[in-house]
Amino acid sequence: MTTFFAKAQDQERKWFIIDAAGIPLGRIATEAARLLRGKHKPTFTPNVDTGDHVIIINAEKLVLTGNKLNDKMYRRHSGYPGGLKEVPYKKLMQIMPERAMEHAVKGMLPHNKLGAQMYTKLKVYKGESHPHQAQQPEIWTIQ
């Protein structure tokens, strides 16, 4: 029996909606990364983008467990000396909760060109509305 290798042009891409209301950040991020990579499909191939599109709604209602809201920091660096910027997650969740979700999911994807391609299929929205009704997305429930 020969080994099956998926081809990128043969992939059917579905659209899934994940509602983040009341669910911990890490649980949503792992499920979104799993869908973006295509690990839920029997045709998963590590070196091919076999994943689907993911829409995450209600990003402002996600939960950070423990004391992470006060202790956890969002860090970025400009590349220049002294260019480190730190923002506590409490402030980040008030200003732009989408960034917290995107940052968590991006860290769980491969850190190469394939991961960057998978990341483009992620859409995160603050509220319940999104402009992707034409794609007829399915609701994905997290167990």
C-alpha atoms as a PDB file:
ATOM      1  CA  MET A   1       0.000   0.000   0.000  1.00  0.00           C
ATOM      2  CA  THR A   2       1.310   3.444  -0.899  1.00  0.00           C
ATOM      3  CA  THR A   3       1.396   6.440   1.409  1.00  0.00           C
ATOM      4  CA  PHE A   4      -1.141   9.177   0.654  1.00  0.00           C
ATOM      5  CA  PHE A   5       0.200  12.713   0.130  1.00  0.00           C
ATOM      6  CA  ALA A   6      -2.309  15.541  -0.066  1.00  0.00           C
ATOM      7  CA  LYS A   7      -1.942  18.199  -2.746  1.00  0.00           C
ATOM      8  CA  ALA A   8      -2.714  21.845  -1.966  1.00  0.00           C
ATOM      9  CA  GLN A   9      -4.803  22.381  -5.114  1.00  0.00           C
ATOM     10  CA  ASP A  10      -7.055  19.374  -4.305  1.00  0.00           C
ATOM     11  CA  GLN A  11      -8.099  20.630  -0.866  1.00  0.00           C
ATOM     12  CA  GLU A  12     -11.684  21.639  -0.111  1.00  0.00           C
ATOM     13  CA  ARG A  13     -11.689  24.477   2.380  1.00  0.00           C
ATOM     14  CA  LYS A  14     -14.599  24.918   4.751  1.00  0.00           C
ATOM     15  CA  TRP A  15     -15.350  27.889   6.994  1.00  0.00           C
ATOM     16  CA  PHE A  16     -15.882  27.395  10.724  1.00  0.00           C
ATOM     17  CA  ILE A  17     -17.100  29.794  13.433  1.00  0.00           C
ATOM     18  CA  ILE A  18     -15.834  29.498  17.012  1.00  0.00           C
ATOM     19  CA  ASP A  19     -17.688  31.472  19.700  1.00  0.00           C
ATOM     20  CA  ALA A  20     -15.134  32.594  22.314  1.00  0.00           C
ATOM     21  CA  ALA A  21     -17.658  33.742  24.943  1.00  0.00           C
ATOM     22  CA  GLY A  22     -16.726  32.331  28.364  1.00  0.00           C
ATOM     23  CA  ILE A  23     -14.047  29.916  27.096  1.00  0.00           C
ATOM     24  CA  PRO A  24     -10.366  30.150  28.165  1.00  0.00           C
ATOM     25  CA  LEU A  25      -7.967  31.712  25.650  1.00  0.00           C
ATOM     26  CA  GLY A  26      -5.737  28.642  25.343  1.00  0.00           C
ATOM     27  CA  ARG A  27      -8.591  26.228  24.616  1.00  0.00           C
ATOM     28  CA  ILE A  28      -9.894  28.397  21.800  1.00  0.00           C
ATOM     29  CA  ALA A  29      -6.398  28.951  20.392  1.00  0.00           C
ATOM     30  CA  THR A  30      -5.513  25.238  20.310  1.00  0.00           C
ATOM     31  CA  GLU A  31      -8.761  24.337  18.573  1.00  0.00           C
ATOM     32  CA  ALA A  32      -8.352  27.160  16.042  1.00  0.00           C
ATOM     33  CA  ALA A  33      -4.740  26.137  15.324  1.00  0.00           C
ATOM     34  CA  ARG A  34      -5.882  22.530  14.867  1.00  0.00           C
ATOM     35  CA  LEU A  35      -8.510  23.591  12.320  1.00  0.00           C
ATOM     36  CA  LEU A  36      -6.094  25.933  10.508  1.00  0.00           C
ATOM     37  CA  ARG A  37      -3.494  23.151  10.170  1.00  0.00           C
ATOM     38  CA  GLY A  38      -6.078  20.588   9.022  1.00  0.00           C
ATOM     39  CA  LYS A  39      -5.339  18.055  11.764  1.00  0.00           C
ATOM     40  CA  HIS A  40      -9.053  17.246  12.045  1.00  0.00           C
ATOM     41  CA  LYS A  41      -9.061  15.837   8.496  1.00  0.00           C
ATOM     42  CA  PRO A  42      -8.020  12.317   7.487  1.00  0.00           C
ATOM     43  CA  THR A  43      -6.003  13.832   4.612  1.00  0.00           C
ATOM     44  CA  PHE A  44      -3.670  15.769   6.957  1.00  0.00           C
ATOM     45  CA  THR A  45      -0.174  16.109   5.559  1.00  0.00           C
ATOM     46  CA  PRO A  46       2.423  18.022   7.643  1.00  0.00           C
ATOM     47  CA  ASN A  47       4.082  19.793   4.706  1.00  0.00           C
ATOM     48  CA  VAL A  48       0.870  20.877   2.911  1.00  0.00           C
ATOM     49  CA  ASP A  49      -1.711  23.450   3.963  1.00  0.00           C
ATOM     50  CA  THR A  50      -4.770  21.190   4.322  1.00  0.00           C
ATOM     51  CA  GLY A  51      -6.579  23.390   6.850  1.00  0.00           C
ATOM     52  CA  ASP A  52      -9.825  25.326   6.810  1.00  0.00           C
ATOM     53  CA  HIS A  53     -10.781  28.956   7.429  1.00  0.00           C
ATOM     54  CA  VAL A  54     -11.598  29.904  11.031  1.00  0.00           C
ATOM     55  CA  ILE A  55     -13.718  32.824  12.241  1.00  0.00           C
ATOM     56  CA  ILE A  56     -13.548  33.621  15.963  1.00  0.00           C
ATOM     57  CA  ILE A  57     -16.319  35.848  17.320  1.00  0.00           C
ATOM     58  CA  ASN A  58     -16.864  37.447  20.748  1.00  0.00           C
ATOM     59  CA  ALA A  59     -13.140  37.900  21.370  1.00  0.00           C
ATOM     60  CA  GLU A  60     -13.839  40.453  24.109  1.00  0.00           C
ATOM     61  CA  LYS A  61     -15.719  37.808  26.128  1.00  0.00           C
ATOM     62  CA  LEU A  62     -12.922  35.226  26.292  1.00  0.00           C
ATOM     63  CA  VAL A  63     -11.535  34.247  29.696  1.00  0.00           C
ATOM     64  CA  LEU A  64      -7.996  34.240  31.106  1.00  0.00           C
ATOM     65  CA  THR A  65      -7.791  31.815  34.048  1.00  0.00           C
ATOM     66  CA  GLY A  66      -5.916  32.391  37.281  1.00  0.00           C
ATOM     67  CA  ASN A  67      -4.170  35.738  37.697  1.00  0.00           C
ATOM     68  CA  LYS A  68      -3.033  35.929  34.060  1.00  0.00           C
ATOM     69  CA  LEU A  69      -5.121  39.030  33.393  1.00  0.00           C
ATOM     70  CA  ASN A  70      -2.813  41.015  35.717  1.00  0.00           C
ATOM     71  CA  ASP A  71       0.474  39.063  35.438  1.00  0.00           C
ATOM     72  CA  LYS A  72       0.701  38.126  31.739  1.00  0.00           C
ATOM     73  CA  MET A  73       2.370  40.635  29.411  1.00  0.00           C
ATOM     74  CA  TYR A  74       2.090  41.122  25.645  1.00  0.00           C
ATOM     75  CA  ARG A  75       5.578  41.928  24.361  1.00  0.00           C
ATOM     76  CA  ARG A  76       6.787  43.216  21.022  1.00  0.00           C
ATOM     77  CA  HIS A  77      10.111  44.640  19.885  1.00  0.00           C
ATOM     78  CA  SER A  78      10.750  47.249  17.206  1.00  0.00           C
ATOM     79  CA  GLY A  79      14.208  45.892  16.408  1.00  0.00           C
ATOM     80  CA  TYR A  80      15.960  48.998  17.676  1.00  0.00           C
ATOM     81  CA  PRO A  81      17.899  49.259  20.963  1.00  0.00           C
ATOM     82  CA  GLY A  82      15.463  49.907  23.790  1.00  0.00           C
ATOM     83  CA  GLY A  83      12.530  49.078  21.515  1.00  0.00           C
ATOM     84  CA  LEU A  84      10.796  46.558  23.785  1.00  0.00           C
ATOM     85  CA  LYS A  85       7.137  47.421  24.386  1.00  0.00           C
ATOM     86  CA  GLU A  86       5.188  45.638  27.133  1.00  0.00           C
ATOM     87  CA  VAL A  87       1.422  45.812  27.612  1.00  0.00           C
ATOM     88  CA  PRO A  88      -0.407  43.925  30.389  1.00  0.00           C
ATOM     89  CA  TYR A  89      -3.152  41.624  29.117  1.00  0.00           C
ATOM     90  CA  LYS A  90      -5.736  43.537  31.179  1.00  0.00           C
ATOM     91  CA  LYS A  91      -5.090  46.655  29.075  1.00  0.00           C
ATOM     92  CA  LEU A  92      -4.754  44.629  25.854  1.00  0.00           C
ATOM     93  CA  MET A  93      -8.147  42.981  26.431  1.00  0.00           C
ATOM     94  CA  GLN A  94      -9.753  46.408  26.882  1.00  0.00           C
ATOM     95  CA  ILE A  95      -8.106  48.014  23.846  1.00  0.00           C
ATOM     96  CA  MET A  96      -7.908  45.195  21.272  1.00  0.00           C
ATOM     97  CA  PRO A  97      -8.960  41.695  22.387  1.00  0.00           C
ATOM     98  CA  GLU A  98      -8.537  40.435  18.808  1.00  0.00           C
ATOM     99  CA  ARG A  99      -4.755  40.899  19.102  1.00  0.00           C
ATOM    100  CA  ALA A 100      -4.573  38.616  22.155  1.00  0.00           C
ATOM    101  CA  MET A 101      -6.383  35.824  20.292  1.00  0.00           C
ATOM    102  CA  GLU A 102      -4.351  36.258  17.105  1.00  0.00           C
ATOM    103  CA  HIS A 103      -1.094  36.204  19.090  1.00  0.00           C
ATOM    104  CA  ALA A 104      -2.068  32.982  20.885  1.00  0.00           C
ATOM    105  CA  VAL A 105      -3.091  31.171  17.678  1.00  0.00           C
ATOM    106  CA  LYS A 106      -0.040  32.347  15.718  1.00  0.00           C
ATOM    107  CA  GLY A 107       2.254  30.928  18.401  1.00  0.00           C
ATOM    108  CA  MET A 108       0.671  27.492  17.945  1.00  0.00           C
ATOM    109  CA  LEU A 109       1.192  27.359  14.172  1.00  0.00           C
ATOM    110  CA  PRO A 110       4.459  26.336  12.458  1.00  0.00           C
ATOM    111  CA  HIS A 111       7.040  29.124  12.440  1.00  0.00           C
ATOM    112  CA  ASN A 112       7.773  29.094   8.715  1.00  0.00           C
ATOM    113  CA  LYS A 113       6.167  30.100   5.391  1.00  0.00           C
ATOM    114  CA  LEU A 114       3.558  27.360   5.705  1.00  0.00           C
ATOM    115  CA  GLY A 115       2.498  28.671   9.120  1.00  0.00           C
ATOM    116  CA  ALA A 116       2.249  32.205   7.740  1.00  0.00           C
ATOM    117  CA  GLN A 117      -0.007  30.918   4.965  1.00  0.00           C
ATOM    118  CA  MET A 118      -2.206  29.122   7.516  1.00  0.00           C
ATOM    119  CA  TYR A 119      -2.398  32.262   9.665  1.00  0.00           C
ATOM    120  CA  THR A 120      -3.970  34.238   6.801  1.00  0.00           C
ATOM    121  CA  LYS A 121      -7.067  32.005   7.078  1.00  0.00           C
ATOM    122  CA  LEU A 122      -7.779  33.215  10.633  1.00  0.00           C
ATOM    123  CA  LYS A 123     -10.343  35.989  11.151  1.00  0.00           C
ATOM    124  CA  VAL A 124     -10.991  37.350  14.665  1.00  0.00           C
ATOM    125  CA  TYR A 125     -13.798  39.764  15.563  1.00  0.00           C
ATOM    126  CA  LYS A 126     -14.576  41.622  18.777  1.00  0.00           C
ATOM    127  CA  GLY A 127     -18.362  41.207  18.687  1.00  0.00           C
ATOM    128  CA  GLU A 128     -20.833  38.704  17.261  1.00  0.00           C
ATOM    129  CA  SER A 129     -21.091  40.163  13.758  1.00  0.00           C
ATOM    130  CA  HIS A 130     -18.739  39.213  10.922  1.00  0.00           C
ATOM    131  CA  PRO A 131     -18.753  39.881   7.144  1.00  0.00           C
ATOM    132  CA  HIS A 132     -18.384  36.223   6.073  1.00  0.00           C
ATOM    133  CA  GLN A 133     -22.047  35.153   5.770  1.00  0.00           C
ATOM    134  CA  ALA A 134     -21.598  34.464   2.031  1.00  0.00           C
ATOM    135  CA  GLN A 135     -19.123  31.653   2.825  1.00  0.00           C
ATOM    136  CA  GLN A 136     -21.848  29.808   4.817  1.00  0.00           C
ATOM    137  CA  PRO A 137     -19.667  29.036   7.847  1.00  0.00           C
ATOM    138  CA  GLU A 138     -20.437  26.086  10.120  1.00  0.00           C
ATOM    139  CA  ILE A 139     -20.450  26.410  13.902  1.00  0.00           C
ATOM    140  CA  TRP A 140     -17.598  24.508  15.594  1.00  0.00           C
ATOM    141  CA  THR A 141     -18.206  23.581  19.217  1.00  0.00           C
ATOM    142  CA  ILE A 142     -15.351  23.076  21.653  1.00  0.00           C
ATOM    143  CA  GLN A 143     -15.734  20.065  23.943  1.00  0.00           C
END
